[in-house]
Amino acid sequence: MPLFFLIPLFTGLITGYFFNKKNDEIGYIAGVFTAISVILCLILSPWQVQLGLLMLVLVGSNQLLRKIY
């Protein structure tokens, strides 16, 4: 399984980490870049990773709904 989909994820996370403390426009731009890179990473990831994330979200949402009701 090629791991090239991790490149935008790590780039975005590193950018978001470095500019997390900034209150300027550069901090907002870095936040938008991080969100776009995470979405791009999810699109480029193999189907096995996407299926695993989907199962994680479904199990997590079921547990949250049980706590609420």
Protein backbone atom coordinates (compact mmCIF):
# COMPACT_ATOMS: atom_id res chain seq x y z
CA MET A 1 0.00 0.00 0.00
CA PRO A 2 1.60 3.29 -1.04
CA LEU A 3 1.72 5.83 1.73
CA PHE A 4 1.81 8.99 -0.41
CA PHE A 5 -1.52 10.06 1.08
CA LEU A 6 0.29 10.83 4.35
CA ILE A 7 2.29 13.68 2.78
CA PRO A 8 -0.56 16.25 2.78
CA LEU A 9 -1.66 15.09 6.23
CA PHE A 10 1.73 15.61 7.87
CA THR A 11 2.31 18.85 5.98
CA GLY A 12 -1.00 20.23 7.17
CA LEU A 13 -0.56 19.06 10.75
CA ILE A 14 2.92 20.52 11.00
CA THR A 15 1.71 23.82 9.55
CA GLY A 16 -1.22 23.88 11.96
CA TYR A 17 1.07 23.12 14.90
CA PHE A 18 3.53 25.90 14.11
CA PHE A 19 0.89 28.55 13.54
CA ASN A 20 -1.49 27.46 16.31
CA LYS A 21 -0.50 30.32 18.60
CA LYS A 22 -0.81 33.04 15.96
CA ASN A 23 -3.81 35.36 16.11
CA ASP A 24 -3.00 37.06 12.82
CA GLU A 25 -4.37 36.28 9.40
CA ILE A 26 -1.51 33.83 8.88
CA GLY A 27 -2.92 31.66 11.67
CA TYR A 28 -6.33 31.56 10.00
CA ILE A 29 -4.78 30.77 6.63
CA ALA A 30 -2.76 27.97 8.22
CA GLY A 31 -5.94 26.59 9.80
CA VAL A 32 -7.70 26.56 6.44
CA PHE A 33 -4.66 24.90 4.85
CA THR A 34 -4.68 22.24 7.58
CA ALA A 35 -8.38 21.50 7.06
CA ILE A 36 -7.93 21.25 3.29
CA SER A 37 -4.93 18.96 3.64
CA VAL A 38 -6.79 16.62 6.02
CA ILE A 39 -9.68 16.37 3.58
CA LEU A 40 -7.23 15.74 0.73
CA CYS A 41 -5.56 13.03 2.80
CA LEU A 42 -8.90 11.31 3.36
CA ILE A 43 -9.68 11.45 -0.36
CA LEU A 44 -6.27 10.05 -1.37
CA SER A 45 -6.16 7.33 1.27
CA PRO A 46 -6.70 3.70 0.23
CA TRP A 47 -10.08 2.09 0.73
CA GLN A 48 -8.83 0.03 3.66
CA VAL A 49 -8.01 3.17 5.62
CA GLN A 50 -11.30 4.80 4.65
CA LEU A 51 -13.23 1.71 5.73
CA GLY A 52 -11.38 1.63 9.05
CA LEU A 53 -12.17 5.29 9.70
CA LEU A 54 -15.81 4.72 8.79
CA MET A 55 -16.06 1.84 11.25
CA LEU A 56 -14.40 3.96 13.94
CA VAL A 57 -16.88 6.80 13.37
CA LEU A 58 -19.86 4.45 13.43
CA VAL A 59 -18.80 2.75 16.66
CA GLY A 60 -17.95 6.08 18.27
CA SER A 61 -21.26 7.64 17.30
CA ASN A 62 -23.18 4.65 18.67
CA GLN A 63 -21.41 4.98 22.03
CA LEU A 64 -22.09 8.72 22.14
CA LEU A 65 -25.76 8.18 21.35
CA ARG A 66 -26.04 5.59 24.13
CA LYS A 67 -24.65 8.10 26.63
CA ILE A 68 -27.15 10.75 25.58
CA TYR A 69 -30.26 8.57 25.78
